[in-house]
Amino acid sequence: MAFAWRIGLAAGSVLLCGCAVSKEARIRTALTDAGVPRPVAVCMADIMAEDLTVEQLRAMADAAALVRRPGEDVTLERALRALRTVGDPAIVGTLALATAGCVARS
């Protein structure tokens, strides 16, 4: 379960600016850089880019910063605590659905 939250939080760590690269590409890159298998990352990036705004993705990035500790794995407890600080049920719902659906497909 911690793996699912870790990959979702990795997507949020992407800084989305007004560059030519799409939201999907940035999210997919962040996920694959975090070790998510490419098929899962492609699936999740598509869902998250469609359902979440840039502001929501930035909020996920802020939450992800709270979870990371050098040399330690992300725990489910820390990930959930960080997601609660976001205070946006749409982010949590999209992350949960994307993670569950995409991991199940792979």
Protein backbone atom coordinates (compact mmCIF):
# COMPACT_ATOMS: atom_id res chain seq x y z
CA MET A 1 0.00 0.00 0.00
CA ALA A 2 2.86 2.40 0.74
CA PHE A 3 4.03 1.86 -2.86
CA ALA A 4 0.73 3.18 -4.19
CA TRP A 5 0.91 6.35 -2.15
CA ARG A 6 4.58 6.85 -2.96
CA ILE A 7 3.92 6.79 -6.68
CA GLY A 8 1.02 9.16 -6.33
CA LEU A 9 3.06 11.60 -4.32
CA ALA A 10 5.90 11.38 -6.82
CA ALA A 11 3.55 12.70 -9.46
CA GLY A 12 2.80 15.67 -7.31
CA SER A 13 6.46 16.53 -7.01
CA VAL A 14 6.53 17.70 -10.61
CA LEU A 15 6.62 21.44 -10.95
CA LEU A 16 4.23 22.41 -13.67
CA CYS A 17 5.09 25.66 -15.41
CA GLY A 18 3.82 27.14 -18.64
CA CYS A 19 6.33 25.21 -20.73
CA ALA A 20 5.64 23.36 -23.96
CA VAL A 21 5.78 19.98 -22.24
CA SER A 22 2.32 18.63 -21.39
CA LYS A 23 1.07 17.92 -17.89
CA GLU A 24 0.85 14.23 -18.81
CA ALA A 25 4.49 14.12 -19.88
CA ARG A 26 5.69 15.85 -16.71
CA ILE A 27 3.65 13.58 -14.45
CA ARG A 28 4.73 10.47 -16.39
CA THR A 29 8.40 11.50 -16.11
CA ALA A 30 8.12 12.10 -12.36
CA LEU A 31 6.48 8.72 -11.86
CA THR A 32 9.02 6.79 -13.94
CA ASP A 33 11.88 8.66 -12.23
CA ALA A 34 10.41 7.48 -8.91
CA GLY A 35 10.55 3.89 -10.13
CA VAL A 36 6.98 3.39 -11.27
CA PRO A 37 6.79 0.95 -14.20
CA ARG A 38 6.21 2.85 -17.45
CA PRO A 39 2.79 1.32 -18.26
CA VAL A 40 1.47 2.28 -14.83
CA ALA A 41 3.02 5.75 -15.07
CA VAL A 42 1.44 6.35 -18.49
CA CYS A 43 -1.96 5.27 -17.20
CA MET A 44 -1.77 7.36 -14.02
CA ALA A 45 -0.43 10.44 -15.79
CA ASP A 46 -3.33 10.41 -18.22
CA ILE A 47 -5.91 10.24 -15.42
CA MET A 48 -4.22 12.75 -13.15
CA ALA A 49 -3.59 15.31 -15.88
CA GLU A 50 -7.21 15.13 -16.97
CA ASP A 51 -8.77 15.25 -13.50
CA LEU A 52 -6.45 17.58 -11.55
CA THR A 53 -5.63 21.23 -12.07
CA VAL A 54 -2.13 22.67 -12.00
CA GLU A 55 -2.92 24.09 -8.57
CA GLN A 56 -3.96 20.66 -7.30
CA LEU A 57 -0.78 19.10 -8.69
CA ARG A 58 1.26 21.80 -6.95
CA ALA A 59 -0.57 21.02 -3.70
CA MET A 60 0.47 17.37 -4.18
CA ALA A 61 4.05 18.55 -4.69
CA ASP A 62 3.89 20.41 -1.38
CA ALA A 63 2.54 17.29 0.33
CA ALA A 64 5.25 15.16 -1.26
CA ALA A 65 7.90 17.48 0.17
CA LEU A 66 6.56 16.73 3.66
CA VAL A 67 6.90 12.98 3.13
CA ARG A 68 10.43 12.73 1.80
CA ARG A 69 13.25 11.99 4.18
CA PRO A 70 16.70 11.29 2.79
CA GLY A 71 17.61 7.62 2.96
CA GLU A 72 14.16 6.47 4.12
CA ASP A 73 11.29 4.80 2.34
CA VAL A 74 7.96 6.57 2.31
CA THR A 75 5.58 5.01 4.81
CA LEU A 76 1.84 4.86 4.36
CA GLU A 77 1.36 6.74 7.63
CA ARG A 78 3.52 9.68 6.52
CA ALA A 79 1.92 9.73 3.07
CA LEU A 80 -1.60 9.82 4.51
CA ARG A 81 -0.65 12.54 6.98
CA ALA A 82 0.79 14.63 4.15
CA LEU A 83 -2.28 14.12 1.96
CA ARG A 84 -4.52 15.25 4.83
CA THR A 85 -2.64 18.56 4.91
CA VAL A 86 -3.72 19.18 1.32
CA GLY A 87 -7.35 19.25 2.40
CA ASP A 88 -8.73 18.55 -1.08
CA PRO A 89 -10.81 15.37 -1.35
CA ALA A 90 -10.66 15.54 -5.16
CA ILE A 91 -6.88 15.08 -5.05
CA VAL A 92 -7.10 12.09 -2.72
CA GLY A 93 -9.93 10.54 -4.74
CA THR A 94 -8.19 10.96 -8.08
CA LEU A 95 -4.93 9.62 -6.68
CA ALA A 96 -6.65 6.58 -5.17
CA LEU A 97 -8.62 5.77 -8.32
CA ALA A 98 -5.65 6.28 -10.63
CA THR A 99 -3.36 4.17 -8.46
CA ALA A 100 -5.84 1.33 -7.98
CA GLY A 101 -7.01 1.25 -11.58
CA CYS A 102 -3.60 1.49 -13.17
CA VAL A 103 -1.85 -0.96 -10.86
CA ALA A 104 -4.69 -3.45 -11.41
CA ARG A 105 -4.35 -3.16 -15.19
CA SER A 106 -0.63 -3.81 -15.24
